[in-house]
Structures are given as C-alpha cells and as structure tokens.
PDB file of N, CA and C in Angstrom:
ATOM      1  N   MET A   1      29.476 -25.635   9.495  1.00  0.00           N
ATOM      2  CA  MET A   1      28.132 -25.863   9.963  1.00  0.00           C
ATOM      3  C   MET A   1      27.794 -24.897  11.099  1.00  0.00           C
ATOM      4  N   ARG A   2      28.767 -24.598  11.909  1.00  0.00           N
ATOM      5  CA  ARG A   2      28.543 -23.702  13.040  1.00  0.00           C
ATOM      6  C   ARG A   2      28.093 -22.316  12.586  1.00  0.00           C
ATOM      7  N   PHE A   3      28.596 -21.848  11.444  1.00  0.00           N
ATOM      8  CA  PHE A   3      28.241 -20.535  10.927  1.00  0.00           C
ATOM      9  C   PHE A   3      27.007 -20.557  10.039  1.00  0.00           C
ATOM     10  N   GLY A   4      26.455 -21.741   9.799  1.00  0.00           N
ATOM     11  CA  GLY A   4      25.265 -21.840   8.977  1.00  0.00           C
ATOM     12  C   GLY A   4      25.540 -21.800   7.478  1.00  0.00           C
ATOM     13  N   TRP A   5      26.783 -22.005   7.096  1.00  0.00           N
ATOM     14  CA  TRP A   5      27.137 -21.967   5.673  1.00  0.00           C
ATOM     15  C   TRP A   5      26.739 -23.260   4.976  1.00  0.00           C
ATOM     16  N   TYR A   6      26.561 -24.316   5.737  1.00  0.00           N
ATOM     17  CA  TYR A   6      26.170 -25.599   5.166  1.00  0.00           C
ATOM     18  C   TYR A   6      25.023 -26.160   5.979  1.00  0.00           C
ATOM     19  N   ASP A   7      23.983 -26.555   5.289  1.00  0.00           N
ATOM     20  CA  ASP A   7      22.843 -27.219   5.916  1.00  0.00           C
ATOM     21  C   ASP A   7      22.491 -28.401   5.033  1.00  0.00           C
ATOM     22  N   PHE A   8      22.708 -29.594   5.533  1.00  0.00           N
ATOM     23  CA  PHE A   8      22.488 -30.787   4.725  1.00  0.00           C
ATOM     24  C   PHE A   8      21.041 -30.906   4.253  1.00  0.00           C
ATOM     25  N   ARG A   9      20.116 -30.249   4.936  1.00  0.00           N
ATOM     26  CA  ARG A   9      18.699 -30.317   4.539  1.00  0.00           C
ATOM     27  C   ARG A   9      18.409 -29.487   3.298  1.00  0.00           C
ATOM     28  N   THR A  10      19.211 -28.444   3.067  1.00  0.00           N
ATOM     29  CA  THR A  10      18.959 -27.571   1.924  1.00  0.00           C
ATOM     30  C   THR A  10      20.076 -27.591   0.889  1.00  0.00           C
ATOM     31  N   PHE A  11      21.142 -28.349   1.152  1.00  0.00           N
ATOM     32  CA  PHE A  11      22.267 -28.414   0.221  1.00  0.00           C
ATOM     33  C   PHE A  11      21.814 -29.059  -1.091  1.00  0.00           C
ATOM     34  N   ASN A  12      22.085 -28.376  -2.207  1.00  0.00           N
ATOM     35  CA  ASN A  12      21.664 -28.850  -3.515  1.00  0.00           C
ATOM     36  C   ASN A  12      22.802 -29.658  -4.155  1.00  0.00           C
ATOM     37  N   VAL A  13      22.749 -30.964  -3.997  1.00  0.00           N
ATOM     38  CA  VAL A  13      23.803 -31.842  -4.483  1.00  0.00           C
ATOM     39  C   VAL A  13      23.906 -31.779  -6.003  1.00  0.00           C
ATOM     40  N   LYS A  14      22.778 -31.766  -6.686  1.00  0.00           N
ATOM     41  CA  LYS A  14      22.796 -31.733  -8.150  1.00  0.00           C
ATOM     42  C   LYS A  14      23.459 -30.459  -8.670  1.00  0.00           C
ATOM     43  N   GLU A  15      23.158 -29.314  -8.058  1.00  0.00           N
ATOM     44  CA  GLU A  15      23.790 -28.057  -8.462  1.00  0.00           C
ATOM     45  C   GLU A  15      25.288 -28.107  -8.191  1.00  0.00           C
ATOM     46  N   TYR A  16      25.676 -28.626  -7.024  1.00  0.00           N
ATOM     47  CA  TYR A  16      27.100 -28.748  -6.691  1.00  0.00           C
ATOM     48  C   TYR A  16      27.821 -29.603  -7.719  1.00  0.00           C
ATOM     49  N   GLU A  17      27.269 -30.768  -8.011  1.00  0.00           N
ATOM     50  CA  GLU A  17      27.907 -31.675  -8.960  1.00  0.00           C
ATOM     51  C   GLU A  17      27.957 -31.076 -10.362  1.00  0.00           C
ATOM     52  N   TYR A  18      26.980 -30.292 -10.741  1.00  0.00           N
ATOM     53  CA  TYR A  18      26.959 -29.651 -12.053  1.00  0.00           C
ATOM     54  C   TYR A  18      28.097 -28.627 -12.178  1.00  0.00           C
ATOM     55  N   TYR A  19      28.154 -27.695 -11.245  1.00  0.00           N
ATOM     56  CA  TYR A  19      29.127 -26.599 -11.339  1.00  0.00           C
ATOM     57  C   TYR A  19      30.559 -27.018 -11.018  1.00  0.00           C
ATOM     58  N   GLU A  20      30.758 -28.107 -10.298  1.00  0.00           N
ATOM     59  CA  GLU A  20      32.121 -28.512  -9.995  1.00  0.00           C
ATOM     60  C   GLU A  20      32.796 -29.187 -11.183  1.00  0.00           C
ATOM     61  N   ARG A  21      32.052 -29.533 -12.201  1.00  0.00           N
ATOM     62  CA  ARG A  21      32.627 -30.115 -13.418  1.00  0.00           C
ATOM     63  C   ARG A  21      33.316 -29.021 -14.234  1.00  0.00           C
ATOM     64  N   VAL A  22      34.468 -29.341 -14.796  1.00  0.00           N
ATOM     65  CA  VAL A  22      35.253 -28.359 -15.551  1.00  0.00           C
ATOM     66  C   VAL A  22      34.432 -27.739 -16.667  1.00  0.00           C
ATOM     67  N   GLU A  23      33.674 -28.531 -17.381  1.00  0.00           N
ATOM     68  CA  GLU A  23      32.915 -28.006 -18.511  1.00  0.00           C
ATOM     69  C   GLU A  23      31.778 -27.072 -18.098  1.00  0.00           C
ATOM     70  N   ASN A  24      31.447 -27.044 -16.811  1.00  0.00           N
ATOM     71  CA  ASN A  24      30.378 -26.175 -16.322  1.00  0.00           C
ATOM     72  C   ASN A  24      30.895 -25.037 -15.447  1.00  0.00           C
ATOM     73  N   GLY A  25      32.205 -24.805 -15.455  1.00  0.00           N
ATOM     74  CA  GLY A  25      32.770 -23.681 -14.724  1.00  0.00           C
ATOM     75  C   GLY A  25      33.808 -24.026 -13.699  1.00  0.00           C
ATOM     76  N   ASP A  26      33.813 -25.277 -13.212  1.00  0.00           N
ATOM     77  CA  ASP A  26      34.769 -25.702 -12.194  1.00  0.00           C
ATOM     78  C   ASP A  26      34.767 -24.724 -11.027  1.00  0.00           C
ATOM     79  N   LEU A  27      33.584 -24.536 -10.430  1.00  0.00           N
ATOM     80  CA  LEU A  27      33.485 -23.599  -9.323  1.00  0.00           C
ATOM     81  C   LEU A  27      32.752 -24.205  -8.147  1.00  0.00           C
ATOM     82  N   ASN A  28      33.055 -23.681  -6.975  1.00  0.00           N
ATOM     83  CA  ASN A  28      32.430 -24.129  -5.735  1.00  0.00           C
ATOM     84  C   ASN A  28      32.245 -22.944  -4.808  1.00  0.00           C
ATOM     85  N   TRP A  29      31.120 -22.925  -4.131  1.00  0.00           N
ATOM     86  CA  TRP A  29      30.880 -21.890  -3.132  1.00  0.00           C
ATOM     87  C   TRP A  29      31.758 -22.156  -1.923  1.00  0.00           C
ATOM     88  N   ILE A  30      32.502 -21.156  -1.500  1.00  0.00           N
ATOM     89  CA  ILE A  30      33.274 -21.236  -0.266  1.00  0.00           C
ATOM     90  C   ILE A  30      32.363 -20.803   0.884  1.00  0.00           C
ATOM     91  N   ILE A  31      31.712 -19.666   0.719  1.00  0.00           N
ATOM     92  CA  ILE A  31      30.655 -19.218   1.618  1.00  0.00           C
ATOM     93  C   ILE A  31      29.416 -19.069   0.738  1.00  0.00           C
ATOM     94  N   PRO A  32      28.434 -19.946   0.894  1.00  0.00           N
ATOM     95  CA  PRO A  32      27.274 -19.946  -0.002  1.00  0.00           C
ATOM     96  C   PRO A  32      26.628 -18.571  -0.154  1.00  0.00           C
ATOM     97  N   GLY A  33      26.441 -18.189  -1.409  1.00  0.00           N
ATOM     98  CA  GLY A  33      25.805 -16.919  -1.711  1.00  0.00           C
ATOM     99  C   GLY A  33      26.701 -15.703  -1.524  1.00  0.00           C
ATOM    100  N   LYS A  34      27.942 -15.914  -1.072  1.00  0.00           N
ATOM    101  CA  LYS A  34      28.844 -14.794  -0.783  1.00  0.00           C
ATOM    102  C   LYS A  34      30.176 -14.885  -1.523  1.00  0.00           C
ATOM    103  N   PHE A  35      30.821 -16.055  -1.496  1.00  0.00           N
ATOM    104  CA  PHE A  35      32.180 -16.184  -2.011  1.00  0.00           C
ATOM    105  C   PHE A  35      32.307 -17.502  -2.762  1.00  0.00           C
ATOM    106  N   VAL A  36      32.611 -17.400  -4.047  1.00  0.00           N
ATOM    107  CA  VAL A  36      32.755 -18.594  -4.879  1.00  0.00           C
ATOM    108  C   VAL A  36      34.178 -18.637  -5.455  1.00  0.00           C
ATOM    109  N   ALA A  37      34.759 -19.807  -5.464  1.00  0.00           N
ATOM    110  CA  ALA A  37      36.088 -20.003  -6.054  1.00  0.00           C
ATOM    111  C   ALA A  37      35.906 -20.719  -7.386  1.00  0.00           C
ATOM    112  N   PHE A  38      36.703 -20.325  -8.379  1.00  0.00           N
ATOM    113  CA  PHE A  38      36.590 -20.974  -9.683  1.00  0.00           C
ATOM    114  C   PHE A  38      37.953 -21.051 -10.347  1.00  0.00           C
ATOM    115  N   MET A  39      38.033 -21.893 -11.366  1.00  0.00           N
ATOM    116  CA  MET A  39      39.296 -22.150 -12.040  1.00  0.00           C
ATOM    117  C   MET A  39      39.895 -20.891 -12.637  1.00  0.00           C
ATOM    118  N   GLY A  40      39.094 -20.043 -13.174  1.00  0.00           N
ATOM    119  CA  GLY A  40      39.581 -18.812 -13.786  1.00  0.00           C
ATOM    120  C   GLY A  40      39.488 -18.886 -15.294  1.00  0.00           C
ATOM    121  N   PRO A  41      39.291 -17.744 -15.904  1.00  0.00           N
ATOM    122  CA  PRO A  41      39.138 -17.734 -17.364  1.00  0.00           C
ATOM    123  C   PRO A  41      40.454 -17.963 -18.087  1.00  0.00           C
ATOM    124  N   ILE A  42      40.345 -18.534 -19.250  1.00  0.00           N
ATOM    125  CA  ILE A  42      41.471 -18.709 -20.144  1.00  0.00           C
ATOM    126  C   ILE A  42      41.120 -17.972 -21.422  1.00  0.00           C
ATOM    127  N   GLU A  43      41.888 -16.945 -21.736  1.00  0.00           N
ATOM    128  CA  GLU A  43      41.565 -16.092 -22.885  1.00  0.00           C
ATOM    129  C   GLU A  43      41.567 -16.880 -24.184  1.00  0.00           C
ATOM    130  N   ASN A  44      42.617 -17.625 -24.423  1.00  0.00           N
ATOM    131  CA  ASN A  44      42.734 -18.411 -25.656  1.00  0.00           C
ATOM    132  C   ASN A  44      43.168 -19.823 -25.301  1.00  0.00           C
ATOM    133  N   ARG A  45      42.318 -20.780 -25.608  1.00  0.00           N
ATOM    134  CA  ARG A  45      42.674 -22.170 -25.338  1.00  0.00           C
ATOM    135  C   ARG A  45      43.553 -22.693 -26.458  1.00  0.00           C
ATOM    136  N   ASP A  46      44.558 -23.483 -26.087  1.00  0.00           N
ATOM    137  CA  ASP A  46      45.429 -24.113 -27.074  1.00  0.00           C
ATOM    138  C   ASP A  46      45.741 -25.525 -26.582  1.00  0.00           C
ATOM    139  N   ALA A  47      46.724 -26.155 -27.157  1.00  0.00           N
ATOM    140  CA  ALA A  47      47.069 -27.525 -26.777  1.00  0.00           C
ATOM    141  C   ALA A  47      47.448 -27.630 -25.305  1.00  0.00           C
ATOM    142  N   ASN A  48      47.985 -26.551 -24.719  1.00  0.00           N
ATOM    143  CA  ASN A  48      48.375 -26.559 -23.310  1.00  0.00           C
ATOM    144  C   ASN A  48      47.212 -26.240 -22.375  1.00  0.00           C
ATOM    145  N   HIS A  49      46.132 -25.697 -22.908  1.00  0.00           N
ATOM    146  CA  HIS A  49      44.968 -25.318 -22.104  1.00  0.00           C
ATOM    147  C   HIS A  49      43.725 -26.000 -22.659  1.00  0.00           C
ATOM    148  N   LYS A  50      43.597 -27.282 -22.369  1.00  0.00           N
ATOM    149  CA  LYS A  50      42.472 -28.049 -22.884  1.00  0.00           C
ATOM    150  C   LYS A  50      41.195 -27.781 -22.100  1.00  0.00           C
ATOM    151  N   TYR A  51      41.331 -27.324 -20.880  1.00  0.00           N
ATOM    152  CA  TYR A  51      40.178 -27.121 -20.014  1.00  0.00           C
ATOM    153  C   TYR A  51      40.055 -25.657 -19.649  1.00  0.00           C
ATOM    154  N   GLY A  52      38.859 -25.263 -19.309  1.00  0.00           N
ATOM    155  CA  GLY A  52      38.614 -23.892 -18.906  1.00  0.00           C
ATOM    156  C   GLY A  52      37.761 -23.166 -19.921  1.00  0.00           C
ATOM    157  N   HIS A  53      37.337 -21.980 -19.548  1.00  0.00           N
ATOM    158  CA  HIS A  53      36.440 -21.187 -20.381  1.00  0.00           C
ATOM    159  C   HIS A  53      37.011 -19.794 -20.580  1.00  0.00           C
ATOM    160  N   ASN A  54      36.590 -19.163 -21.656  1.00  0.00           N
ATOM    161  CA  ASN A  54      36.983 -17.771 -21.852  1.00  0.00           C
ATOM    162  C   ASN A  54      36.092 -16.898 -20.962  1.00  0.00           C
ATOM    163  N   PRO A  55      36.480 -15.656 -20.743  1.00  0.00           N
ATOM    164  CA  PRO A  55      35.731 -14.785 -19.829  1.00  0.00           C
ATOM    165  C   PRO A  55      34.243 -14.649 -20.161  1.00  0.00           C
ATOM    166  N   SER A  56      33.884 -14.620 -21.428  1.00  0.00           N
ATOM    167  CA  SER A  56      32.465 -14.442 -21.776  1.00  0.00           C
ATOM    168  C   SER A  56      31.612 -15.615 -21.305  1.00  0.00           C
ATOM    169  N   LYS A  57      32.158 -16.815 -21.270  1.00  0.00           N
ATOM    170  CA  LYS A  57      31.417 -17.974 -20.767  1.00  0.00           C
ATOM    171  C   LYS A  57      31.133 -17.814 -19.278  1.00  0.00           C
ATOM    172  N   TYR A  58      32.115 -17.302 -18.537  1.00  0.00           N
ATOM    173  CA  TYR A  58      31.904 -17.108 -17.104  1.00  0.00           C
ATOM    174  C   TYR A  58      30.844 -16.042 -16.817  1.00  0.00           C
ATOM    175  N   ILE A  59      30.689 -15.082 -17.696  1.00  0.00           N
ATOM    176  CA  ILE A  59      29.649 -14.065 -17.497  1.00  0.00           C
ATOM    177  C   ILE A  59      28.292 -14.736 -17.393  1.00  0.00           C
ATOM    178  N   ASP A  60      27.999 -15.646 -18.295  1.00  0.00           N
ATOM    179  CA  ASP A  60      26.718 -16.359 -18.254  1.00  0.00           C
ATOM    180  C   ASP A  60      26.578 -17.199 -16.988  1.00  0.00           C
ATOM    181  N   ILE A  61      27.645 -17.892 -16.621  1.00  0.00           N
ATOM    182  CA  ILE A  61      27.613 -18.720 -15.411  1.00  0.00           C
ATOM    183  C   ILE A  61      27.370 -17.844 -14.187  1.00  0.00           C
ATOM    184  N   PHE A  62      28.110 -16.739 -14.077  1.00  0.00           N
ATOM    185  CA  PHE A  62      27.985 -15.871 -12.910  1.00  0.00           C
ATOM    186  C   PHE A  62      26.601 -15.224 -12.824  1.00  0.00           C
ATOM    187  N   LYS A  63      26.058 -14.819 -13.953  1.00  0.00           N
ATOM    188  CA  LYS A  63      24.693 -14.264 -13.934  1.00  0.00           C
ATOM    189  C   LYS A  63      23.707 -15.295 -13.417  1.00  0.00           C
ATOM    190  N   ASN A  64      23.888 -16.540 -13.814  1.00  0.00           N
ATOM    191  CA  ASN A  64      22.981 -17.607 -13.411  1.00  0.00           C
ATOM    192  C   ASN A  64      23.007 -17.874 -11.909  1.00  0.00           C
ATOM    193  N   ILE A  65      24.172 -17.723 -11.282  1.00  0.00           N
ATOM    194  CA  ILE A  65      24.273 -18.008  -9.848  1.00  0.00           C
ATOM    195  C   ILE A  65      24.306 -16.758  -8.979  1.00  0.00           C
ATOM    196  N   GLY A  66      24.212 -15.574  -9.608  1.00  0.00           N
ATOM    197  CA  GLY A  66      24.108 -14.342  -8.836  1.00  0.00           C
ATOM    198  C   GLY A  66      25.414 -13.688  -8.428  1.00  0.00           C
ATOM    199  N   VAL A  67      26.501 -13.992  -9.110  1.00  0.00           N
ATOM    200  CA  VAL A  67      27.784 -13.347  -8.805  1.00  0.00           C
ATOM    201  C   VAL A  67      27.778 -11.942  -9.405  1.00  0.00           C
ATOM    202  N   SER A  68      28.177 -10.956  -8.616  1.00  0.00           N
ATOM    203  CA  SER A  68      28.175  -9.580  -9.098  1.00  0.00           C
ATOM    204  C   SER A  68      29.566  -8.945  -9.158  1.00  0.00           C
ATOM    205  N   ARG A  69      30.563  -9.580  -8.513  1.00  0.00           N
ATOM    206  CA  ARG A  69      31.925  -9.047  -8.532  1.00  0.00           C
ATOM    207  C   ARG A  69      32.918 -10.194  -8.645  1.00  0.00           C
ATOM    208  N   VAL A  70      34.019  -9.927  -9.343  1.00  0.00           N
ATOM    209  CA  VAL A  70      35.088 -10.907  -9.470  1.00  0.00           C
ATOM    210  C   VAL A  70      36.391 -10.243  -9.058  1.00  0.00           C
ATOM    211  N   ILE A  71      37.136 -10.924  -8.194  1.00  0.00           N
ATOM    212  CA  ILE A  71      38.444 -10.445  -7.762  1.00  0.00           C
ATOM    213  C   ILE A  71      39.448 -11.537  -8.077  1.00  0.00           C
ATOM    214  N   ARG A  72      40.460 -11.187  -8.856  1.00  0.00           N
ATOM    215  CA  ARG A  72      41.476 -12.175  -9.205  1.00  0.00           C
ATOM    216  C   ARG A  72      42.578 -12.169  -8.155  1.00  0.00           C
ATOM    217  N   LEU A  73      42.903 -13.345  -7.630  1.00  0.00           N
ATOM    218  CA  LEU A  73      43.877 -13.454  -6.561  1.00  0.00           C
ATOM    219  C   LEU A  73      45.152 -14.166  -6.974  1.00  0.00           C
ATOM    220  N   ASN A  74      45.282 -14.543  -8.222  1.00  0.00           N
ATOM    221  CA  ASN A  74      46.488 -15.236  -8.663  1.00  0.00           C
ATOM    222  C   ASN A  74      46.999 -14.659  -9.962  1.00  0.00           C
ATOM    223  N   GLU A  75      48.232 -14.904 -10.253  1.00  0.00           N
ATOM    224  CA  GLU A  75      48.898 -14.454 -11.476  1.00  0.00           C
ATOM    225  C   GLU A  75      48.544 -13.024 -11.834  1.00  0.00           C
TER     226      GLU A  75
END
C-alpha cells in the first residue's frame, strides 16, 4: 500500500477472482500493471498434468491484460 501498488478503492475483485482460477490462467499481479506471476504453460497435458494451459492459450490471456514480455524463472 505504501508504494501505491494496491488501492482498495480501485482494486477489481471480479478480475482478480477470474484470473486466479486455474482455468483462466492461474495468475496474479505482483506489481499491478508491471509484474504478473502465473502457473506457466504446459506444452502437452496428460494424466499427470490435469491443470494448466498450453502456450497459445496464454498468448490470448496476456494480450487481454497487456503483458508484453515473459521471463521464465523456473525449470
């Protein structure tokens, strides 16, 4: 709150609840409008990977919320 990253007057609860669901991307803004964390794409879903999206699904999600760069920090 001190940095202005969260303002309860403008926080969109419906958008937060939508995108935090696995079927909608499982993502959350860490720094609103700047840095978003997400589950990560799964190239091929199988019995061991019931949740998640392939990379092309994330393209649509990212375009919708204004993400322009992706940096992978794991695996």
